[in-house]
Amino acid sequence: MQRCLFLWFLVLQLFFMMGCRKGGIFTQATPPSATPTPLARAMPAPTPDINRTARFTVLLYHRFEDKPAALVTTPNDFRAQMKALKDNGISVIRMQDLVAWLHGKKPIPSKSAVITLDDEWNSQYYVAWPILKEFGYPFTLFVYTKWIGAGGKAMTWPQLEEMRDAGVDIEAHTVSHHDLRHAPRGQNYPAWLHNEVYGCKEVLEEKLGIKIDAFAFPYGFHNEIVRQTAKQAGYEMQFTVYGRHMDHNVPTDQIGRYAIDSAHGNIFKMALDFGANDNTQPGVETSQLASAAMLTEPLNDQHITQRMPTIKANLASMGEVDPKSVEMRISGFGLVPAVYDPKTKLVSYAFTQKLVPKLYSVILTAMVNGKKVETRWEFTVDGTSTIATN
């Protein structure tokens, strides 16, 4: 009897303990290390300090030869200019770093420069590239596809491939290097413009296996149609030859460049001077005046035979012009030391070297009643005449 009671007591105790393990007072406590914690709330990534007060400039070079000339820089001048950038505390940055900074993704130094070389002259490969390697400077090539491998002084596809593999940035400069505002005679303008802007990008990306992000207007010429076409083609940055120092508010479809050569040493000096307040600030109104309303020399669309002309314009039609604000820029030369006479309202600049036969654009800017006003016109130097001077 006692044995039966003892066995019955063991059964009850076992049953009671099993019930408690499922949820009773004897349930084993969870170890502190396994105690579940609330999920961490997703915190927004901190905004990077991108140094919005930084300013930058873009330098433009073409050919590199021993004899100084328009669009030609001597090797000695080029090396000295690259050293001057370093000596003046100007950091040379990659084009991609500039893009990232403008998109608010990374900072750039307070005084930065981007170096660009246009038109794939082979002297850029043989002369400029070794010098840039000496200083460890990154740079960008703007190439137009029609001339690649054409012989003479043009670069070849293998040379571009070698530079690409070494980390050189290669970007687009159209197919034919023609003024994009006007199609060649007999061409359908929309179709032709599309090919110049889209076709160049497609060929370079296919041939070189790269991504093209930037576009340089031939001669710096552009208008709203050209800029919109380039934007639609996927270019993040568009470049002119309007040399200036720029900040974070620069329009990315009109980034200026100082066109530098050994015939105009003052232009590089201006590029070095970050103290100059020459960038277009937000809110400045720019008015496009019809050049026909001004008396200019040469006239708009005029063909001339003089190879060293004097460029003149009467600014009386602009209104009350601030004399100190008058600036003249000429395609291929950038800012030139034009002289303005407040009494006669005449601004003029005399070339001291022969111009090559081609189309030129003149851009005049001035402050009128507190607003920035701009006007421009074009003239063509013909190459059929033997006249050398005016």
Protein backbone atom coordinates (compact mmCIF):
# COMPACT_ATOMS: atom_id res chain seq x y z
CA MET A 1 0.00 0.00 0.00
CA GLN A 2 2.74 2.38 0.95
CA ARG A 3 4.61 1.44 -2.24
CA CYS A 4 1.56 2.35 -4.37
CA LEU A 5 1.15 5.70 -2.65
CA PHE A 6 4.83 6.48 -3.21
CA LEU A 7 4.60 5.71 -6.94
CA TRP A 8 1.44 7.80 -7.26
CA PHE A 9 3.20 10.71 -5.54
CA LEU A 10 6.13 10.51 -8.03
CA VAL A 11 3.72 10.59 -11.01
CA LEU A 12 1.93 13.70 -9.69
CA GLN A 13 5.22 15.47 -9.03
CA LEU A 14 6.50 14.68 -12.53
CA PHE A 15 3.25 15.94 -14.09
CA PHE A 16 3.39 19.13 -12.04
CA MET A 17 7.01 19.88 -13.04
CA MET A 18 6.30 19.36 -16.77
CA GLY A 19 3.41 21.83 -16.59
CA CYS A 20 5.54 24.43 -14.90
CA ARG A 21 8.23 24.19 -17.58
CA LYS A 22 5.66 25.10 -20.24
CA GLY A 23 4.76 28.37 -18.59
CA GLY A 24 4.53 28.18 -14.83
CA ILE A 25 6.58 29.82 -12.13
CA PHE A 26 9.56 27.55 -12.74
CA THR A 27 10.07 28.68 -16.33
CA GLN A 28 13.82 29.24 -16.92
CA ALA A 29 14.71 32.89 -17.20
CA THR A 30 16.17 34.15 -20.48
CA PRO A 31 19.90 34.90 -20.07
CA PRO A 32 20.64 38.62 -20.04
CA SER A 33 22.77 38.30 -23.17
CA ALA A 34 19.82 36.94 -25.12
CA THR A 35 17.32 39.54 -23.98
CA PRO A 36 15.67 40.92 -27.15
CA THR A 37 16.18 44.65 -27.74
CA PRO A 38 14.06 47.04 -29.79
CA LEU A 39 15.17 47.42 -33.42
CA ALA A 40 17.44 50.41 -33.91
CA ARG A 41 15.71 53.25 -35.70
CA ALA A 42 17.10 54.08 -39.16
CA MET A 43 19.08 57.28 -38.82
CA PRO A 44 19.60 59.57 -41.83
CA ALA A 45 23.16 59.68 -43.13
CA PRO A 46 24.95 62.86 -42.07
CA THR A 47 25.24 65.51 -44.76
CA PRO A 48 28.87 65.65 -45.93
CA ASP A 49 30.78 68.88 -45.45
CA ILE A 50 31.36 69.71 -49.12
CA ASN A 51 33.02 73.11 -48.62
CA ARG A 52 30.40 75.20 -50.42
CA THR A 53 32.64 78.27 -50.21
CA ALA A 54 35.21 76.67 -52.54
CA ARG A 55 35.86 78.20 -55.94
CA PHE A 56 37.24 76.59 -59.06
CA THR A 57 38.50 77.46 -62.50
CA VAL A 58 38.95 75.44 -65.70
CA LEU A 59 42.01 75.78 -67.93
CA LEU A 60 41.89 75.06 -71.67
CA TYR A 61 44.88 74.16 -73.84
CA HIS A 62 45.22 73.10 -77.48
CA ARG A 63 48.60 72.55 -79.17
CA PHE A 64 52.06 72.28 -77.62
CA GLU A 65 54.91 73.45 -79.83
CA ASP A 66 58.20 75.34 -79.50
CA LYS A 67 57.07 78.50 -81.31
CA PRO A 68 54.48 80.68 -79.46
CA ALA A 69 51.27 81.40 -81.37
CA ALA A 70 47.53 81.63 -80.92
CA LEU A 71 46.26 78.34 -79.45
CA VAL A 72 49.87 77.16 -79.06
CA THR A 73 51.64 76.74 -75.70
CA THR A 74 55.38 76.11 -75.54
CA PRO A 75 56.58 73.20 -73.39
CA ASN A 76 58.56 75.59 -71.15
CA ASP A 77 55.53 77.82 -70.60
CA PHE A 78 53.33 74.83 -69.88
CA ARG A 79 55.71 73.38 -67.31
CA ALA A 80 56.07 76.79 -65.65
CA GLN A 81 52.29 77.18 -65.52
CA MET A 82 51.81 73.77 -63.95
CA LYS A 83 54.38 74.71 -61.30
CA ALA A 84 52.64 78.05 -60.75
CA LEU A 85 49.41 76.24 -59.91
CA LYS A 86 51.21 74.38 -57.13
CA ASP A 87 53.11 77.45 -55.94
CA ASN A 88 49.88 79.45 -55.68
CA GLY A 89 48.11 76.80 -53.63
CA ILE A 90 45.70 75.80 -56.42
CA SER A 91 44.76 72.11 -56.30
CA VAL A 92 44.30 70.33 -59.63
CA ILE A 93 41.29 68.03 -59.38
CA ARG A 94 39.63 65.43 -61.58
CA MET A 95 36.56 66.29 -63.61
CA GLN A 96 34.67 63.60 -61.70
CA ASP A 97 35.57 65.27 -58.39
CA LEU A 98 34.07 68.51 -59.68
CA VAL A 99 30.88 66.70 -60.71
CA ALA A 100 30.62 65.06 -57.28
CA TRP A 101 31.12 68.41 -55.53
CA LEU A 102 28.45 70.12 -57.60
CA HIS A 103 26.09 67.26 -56.72
CA GLY A 104 26.84 67.73 -53.01
CA LYS A 105 28.60 64.40 -52.60
CA LYS A 106 32.17 65.37 -51.68
CA PRO A 107 34.30 68.44 -50.96
CA ILE A 108 36.98 70.02 -53.12
CA PRO A 109 39.85 72.29 -51.99
CA SER A 110 39.07 75.98 -51.54
CA LYS A 111 41.02 76.88 -54.71
CA SER A 112 40.74 74.18 -57.35
CA ALA A 113 41.47 73.87 -61.05
CA VAL A 114 40.46 71.41 -63.76
CA ILE A 115 42.85 71.05 -66.72
CA THR A 116 41.32 70.36 -70.14
CA LEU A 117 42.95 69.77 -73.55
CA ASP A 118 40.86 70.16 -76.70
CA ASP A 119 40.92 68.60 -80.17
CA GLU A 120 43.20 65.55 -79.64
CA TRP A 121 46.36 67.12 -81.09
CA ASN A 122 49.11 64.51 -80.84
CA SER A 123 51.34 67.09 -79.13
CA GLN A 124 49.04 66.59 -76.16
CA TYR A 125 50.16 62.96 -76.11
CA TYR A 126 53.87 63.58 -76.77
CA VAL A 127 54.44 66.88 -74.94
CA ALA A 128 51.69 67.78 -72.46
CA TRP A 129 51.04 64.34 -70.99
CA PRO A 130 54.65 63.73 -69.81
CA ILE A 131 54.70 67.14 -68.13
CA LEU A 132 51.36 66.49 -66.42
CA LYS A 133 52.76 63.17 -65.21
CA GLU A 134 55.69 65.01 -63.61
CA PHE A 135 53.27 66.96 -61.43
CA GLY A 136 50.82 64.10 -60.92
CA TYR A 137 47.97 66.22 -62.30
CA PRO A 138 44.77 64.66 -63.61
CA PHE A 139 43.29 66.14 -66.78
CA THR A 140 40.51 65.80 -69.34
CA LEU A 141 40.69 65.38 -73.11
CA PHE A 142 37.81 66.78 -75.17
CA VAL A 143 37.93 64.99 -78.54
CA TYR A 144 35.90 65.20 -81.72
CA THR A 145 35.53 61.84 -83.38
CA LYS A 146 35.91 62.78 -87.05
CA TRP A 147 39.59 63.71 -86.63
CA ILE A 148 40.74 60.72 -84.55
CA GLY A 149 43.19 58.68 -86.61
CA ALA A 150 42.99 61.08 -89.56
CA GLY A 151 46.78 61.37 -89.76
CA GLY A 152 48.98 64.42 -89.54
CA LYS A 153 48.88 65.95 -86.07
CA ALA A 154 45.79 64.07 -84.88
CA MET A 155 45.84 61.42 -82.16
CA THR A 156 45.06 57.81 -82.95
CA TRP A 157 42.63 55.41 -81.30
CA PRO A 158 45.51 53.36 -79.78
CA GLN A 159 46.94 56.53 -78.22
CA LEU A 160 43.54 57.37 -76.71
CA GLU A 161 43.25 53.80 -75.42
CA GLU A 162 46.67 54.08 -73.78
CA MET A 163 45.71 57.34 -72.10
CA ARG A 164 42.36 55.90 -71.00
CA ASP A 165 44.13 52.91 -69.40
CA ALA A 166 46.42 55.32 -67.54
CA GLY A 167 43.43 57.09 -66.01
CA VAL A 168 43.09 60.07 -68.34
CA ASP A 169 39.51 61.35 -68.53
CA ILE A 170 38.15 61.46 -72.11
CA GLU A 171 35.03 63.46 -72.94
CA ALA A 172 33.04 64.63 -76.01
CA HIS A 173 33.66 67.57 -78.35
CA THR A 174 31.17 66.73 -81.17
CA VAL A 175 31.71 64.74 -84.37
CA SER A 176 32.99 67.42 -86.76
CA HIS A 177 33.95 70.43 -84.57
CA HIS A 178 31.44 72.64 -86.39
CA ASP A 179 29.61 75.61 -84.83
CA LEU A 180 26.56 73.87 -83.34
CA ARG A 181 24.24 76.84 -83.79
CA HIS A 182 24.11 76.38 -87.55
CA ALA A 183 24.15 73.24 -89.69
CA PRO A 184 26.43 73.06 -92.74
CA ARG A 185 24.73 74.11 -95.95
CA GLY A 186 22.25 71.51 -97.19
CA GLN A 187 21.99 69.68 -93.84
CA ASN A 188 18.77 69.19 -91.86
CA TYR A 189 19.57 71.05 -88.65
CA PRO A 190 17.72 68.86 -86.06
CA ALA A 191 19.11 65.62 -87.50
CA TRP A 192 22.60 67.04 -87.91
CA LEU A 193 22.68 68.50 -84.37
CA HIS A 194 21.45 65.21 -82.91
CA ASN A 195 24.30 63.35 -84.59
CA GLU A 196 26.92 65.88 -83.48
CA VAL A 197 25.81 65.71 -79.85
CA TYR A 198 24.57 62.13 -79.48
CA GLY A 199 26.75 60.49 -82.12
CA CYS A 200 30.03 61.66 -80.64
CA LYS A 201 29.07 60.29 -77.23
CA GLU A 202 27.96 56.97 -78.65
CA VAL A 203 31.12 56.44 -80.72
CA LEU A 204 33.47 57.26 -77.84
CA GLU A 205 31.59 55.07 -75.38
CA GLU A 206 31.51 52.16 -77.84
CA LYS A 207 35.12 52.44 -79.05
CA LEU A 208 36.72 53.11 -75.68
CA GLY A 209 34.29 51.38 -73.31
CA ILE A 210 33.90 54.47 -71.16
CA LYS A 211 31.11 56.65 -69.83
CA ILE A 212 30.94 60.16 -71.28
CA ASP A 213 29.68 62.80 -68.83
CA ALA A 214 30.94 66.13 -70.19
CA PHE A 215 30.60 68.07 -73.43
CA ALA A 216 32.62 71.02 -74.78
CA PHE A 217 31.07 73.36 -77.35
CA PRO A 218 33.32 73.91 -80.39
CA TYR A 219 34.68 77.48 -80.22
CA GLY A 220 32.52 77.91 -77.10
CA PHE A 221 29.45 78.64 -79.27
CA HIS A 222 26.06 77.57 -77.90
CA ASN A 223 22.43 78.55 -77.52
CA GLU A 224 19.37 77.22 -75.71
CA ILE A 225 18.66 74.55 -78.35
CA VAL A 226 22.25 73.27 -78.22
CA ARG A 227 22.32 73.18 -74.42
CA GLN A 228 18.99 71.39 -74.16
CA THR A 229 20.05 68.81 -76.75
CA ALA A 230 23.23 68.12 -74.79
CA LYS A 231 21.29 67.80 -71.55
CA GLN A 232 18.87 65.34 -73.15
CA ALA A 233 21.83 63.33 -74.42
CA GLY A 234 22.90 62.77 -70.82
CA TYR A 235 25.80 65.20 -70.42
CA GLU A 236 26.12 66.33 -66.80
CA MET A 237 28.42 69.25 -67.61
CA GLN A 238 28.75 71.55 -70.62
CA PHE A 239 31.78 73.78 -71.22
CA THR A 240 32.32 77.08 -73.02
CA VAL A 241 35.45 79.26 -73.34
CA TYR A 242 34.10 82.02 -71.07
CA GLY A 243 37.03 82.06 -68.63
CA ARG A 244 36.19 82.90 -65.01
CA HIS A 245 36.37 81.67 -61.43
CA MET A 246 33.21 79.83 -60.41
CA ASP A 247 31.45 78.64 -57.27
CA HIS A 248 28.88 76.04 -56.26
CA ASN A 249 26.10 77.99 -58.00
CA VAL A 250 27.60 77.80 -61.49
CA PRO A 251 25.14 76.72 -64.23
CA THR A 252 26.37 73.25 -65.20
CA ASP A 253 25.45 73.83 -68.85
CA GLN A 254 27.69 76.92 -69.18
CA ILE A 255 30.94 76.25 -67.32
CA GLY A 256 33.62 78.69 -68.46
CA ARG A 257 37.23 77.93 -69.37
CA TYR A 258 40.30 80.13 -69.71
CA ALA A 259 41.75 79.51 -73.21
CA ILE A 260 45.49 79.68 -72.60
CA ASP A 261 48.41 79.90 -75.02
CA SER A 262 51.89 81.40 -75.13
CA ALA A 263 50.76 84.41 -77.17
CA HIS A 264 48.56 85.68 -74.33
CA GLY A 265 50.37 85.19 -71.03
CA ASN A 266 48.03 87.57 -69.22
CA ILE A 267 45.18 85.07 -69.54
CA PHE A 268 46.95 82.49 -67.39
CA LYS A 269 47.71 85.21 -64.83
CA MET A 270 43.99 85.98 -64.64
CA ALA A 271 43.25 82.28 -64.15
CA LEU A 272 45.60 82.22 -61.17
CA ASP A 273 43.95 85.20 -59.48
CA PHE A 274 41.23 83.73 -57.26
CA GLY A 275 40.86 87.10 -55.61
CA ALA A 276 39.01 88.41 -58.65
CA ASN A 277 35.24 88.39 -58.19
CA ASP A 278 34.51 87.42 -61.77
CA ASN A 279 32.00 84.62 -61.29
CA THR A 280 28.36 85.25 -62.11
CA GLN A 281 26.49 85.33 -58.81
CA PRO A 282 22.95 83.95 -58.39
CA GLY A 283 20.28 86.49 -59.20
CA VAL A 284 22.32 88.51 -61.67
CA GLU A 285 20.15 89.32 -64.64
CA THR A 286 21.82 88.80 -68.01
CA SER A 287 20.17 90.51 -70.94
CA GLN A 288 20.85 89.43 -74.49
CA LEU A 289 20.96 92.54 -76.64
CA ALA A 290 20.63 92.35 -80.40
CA SER A 291 24.02 93.15 -81.84
CA ALA A 292 22.29 94.81 -84.78
CA ALA A 293 21.36 97.64 -82.38
CA MET A 294 25.05 98.36 -81.85
CA LEU A 295 27.62 99.79 -84.20
CA THR A 296 30.37 97.16 -84.31
CA GLU A 297 33.52 96.61 -86.27
CA PRO A 298 33.58 94.15 -87.93
CA LEU A 299 29.82 94.07 -88.38
CA ASN A 300 27.82 91.05 -87.28
CA ASP A 301 28.27 88.17 -89.78
CA GLN A 302 30.80 90.19 -91.80
CA HIS A 303 33.61 88.45 -93.70
CA ILE A 304 36.94 90.27 -93.50
CA THR A 305 40.37 89.78 -95.04
CA GLN A 306 42.37 91.63 -92.40
CA ARG A 307 44.37 89.20 -90.31
CA MET A 308 45.09 91.65 -87.45
CA PRO A 309 41.84 93.59 -87.11
CA THR A 310 40.79 96.05 -84.44
CA ILE A 311 37.54 94.99 -82.75
CA LYS A 312 35.28 97.91 -81.87
CA ALA A 313 31.79 98.48 -80.49
CA ASN A 314 29.80 101.56 -79.52
CA LEU A 315 27.99 100.87 -76.23
CA ALA A 316 25.75 103.93 -76.31
CA SER A 317 22.67 101.75 -76.95
CA MET A 318 23.27 99.88 -73.67
CA GLY A 319 22.45 102.88 -71.48
CA GLU A 320 24.40 104.03 -68.41
CA VAL A 321 27.40 101.70 -68.46
CA ASP A 322 29.72 101.28 -65.48
CA PRO A 323 33.10 101.97 -67.17
CA LYS A 324 35.03 99.65 -64.87
CA SER A 325 32.73 96.70 -65.64
CA VAL A 326 33.22 96.56 -69.42
CA GLU A 327 34.78 93.27 -70.55
CA MET A 328 35.43 91.81 -73.99
CA ARG A 329 35.91 88.13 -74.70
CA ILE A 330 36.85 86.63 -78.05
CA SER A 331 36.45 82.97 -78.93
CA GLY A 332 39.74 81.14 -78.74
CA PHE A 333 41.33 83.93 -76.67
CA GLY A 334 39.05 84.45 -73.69
CA LEU A 335 39.18 87.79 -71.88
CA VAL A 336 41.22 90.37 -73.80
CA PRO A 337 42.55 93.75 -72.54
CA ALA A 338 40.04 95.92 -74.38
CA VAL A 339 39.99 99.69 -73.74
CA TYR A 340 36.74 101.53 -72.99
CA ASP A 341 36.33 105.31 -73.42
CA PRO A 342 33.36 106.59 -71.33
CA LYS A 343 33.20 109.82 -73.33
CA THR A 344 32.77 108.23 -76.76
CA LYS A 345 31.16 105.00 -75.42
CA LEU A 346 33.62 103.13 -77.63
CA VAL A 347 35.36 99.92 -76.59
CA SER A 348 38.17 98.53 -78.73
CA TYR A 349 40.84 95.85 -78.89
CA ALA A 350 43.59 95.59 -81.52
CA PHE A 351 45.04 92.19 -82.32
CA THR A 352 48.83 92.12 -82.36
CA GLN A 353 49.12 88.75 -84.10
CA LYS A 354 47.56 87.28 -87.20
CA LEU A 355 44.26 85.46 -86.83
CA VAL A 356 43.77 82.10 -88.50
CA PRO A 357 40.95 82.02 -91.07
CA LYS A 358 37.74 80.94 -89.30
CA LEU A 359 34.61 82.21 -87.56
CA TYR A 360 35.10 84.32 -84.42
CA SER A 361 32.64 85.35 -81.72
CA VAL A 362 32.92 88.54 -79.66
CA ILE A 363 31.18 88.77 -76.27
CA LEU A 364 30.78 92.09 -74.45
CA THR A 365 29.53 92.34 -70.87
CA ALA A 366 28.94 95.35 -68.65
CA MET A 367 26.97 96.44 -65.61
CA VAL A 368 24.07 98.71 -66.64
CA ASN A 369 21.90 100.17 -63.87
CA GLY A 370 23.03 97.43 -61.49
CA LYS A 371 22.33 94.60 -63.93
CA LYS A 372 24.78 92.53 -65.94
CA VAL A 373 24.15 92.99 -69.65
CA GLU A 374 25.69 90.91 -72.40
CA THR A 375 25.81 91.22 -76.16
CA ARG A 376 27.67 89.29 -78.82
CA TRP A 377 28.34 89.18 -82.53
CA GLU A 378 30.34 87.15 -85.02
CA PHE A 379 32.71 87.77 -87.89
CA THR A 380 34.70 85.53 -90.20
CA VAL A 381 38.31 85.89 -91.25
CA ASP A 382 38.62 84.62 -94.82
CA GLY A 383 41.73 82.76 -95.86
CA THR A 384 41.80 83.65 -99.52
CA SER A 385 43.45 87.05 -99.21
CA THR A 386 47.15 87.76 -98.93
CA ILE A 387 46.49 90.85 -96.82
CA ALA A 388 48.29 90.38 -93.53
CA THR A 389 47.37 93.44 -91.51
CA ASN A 390 44.80 96.16 -91.31
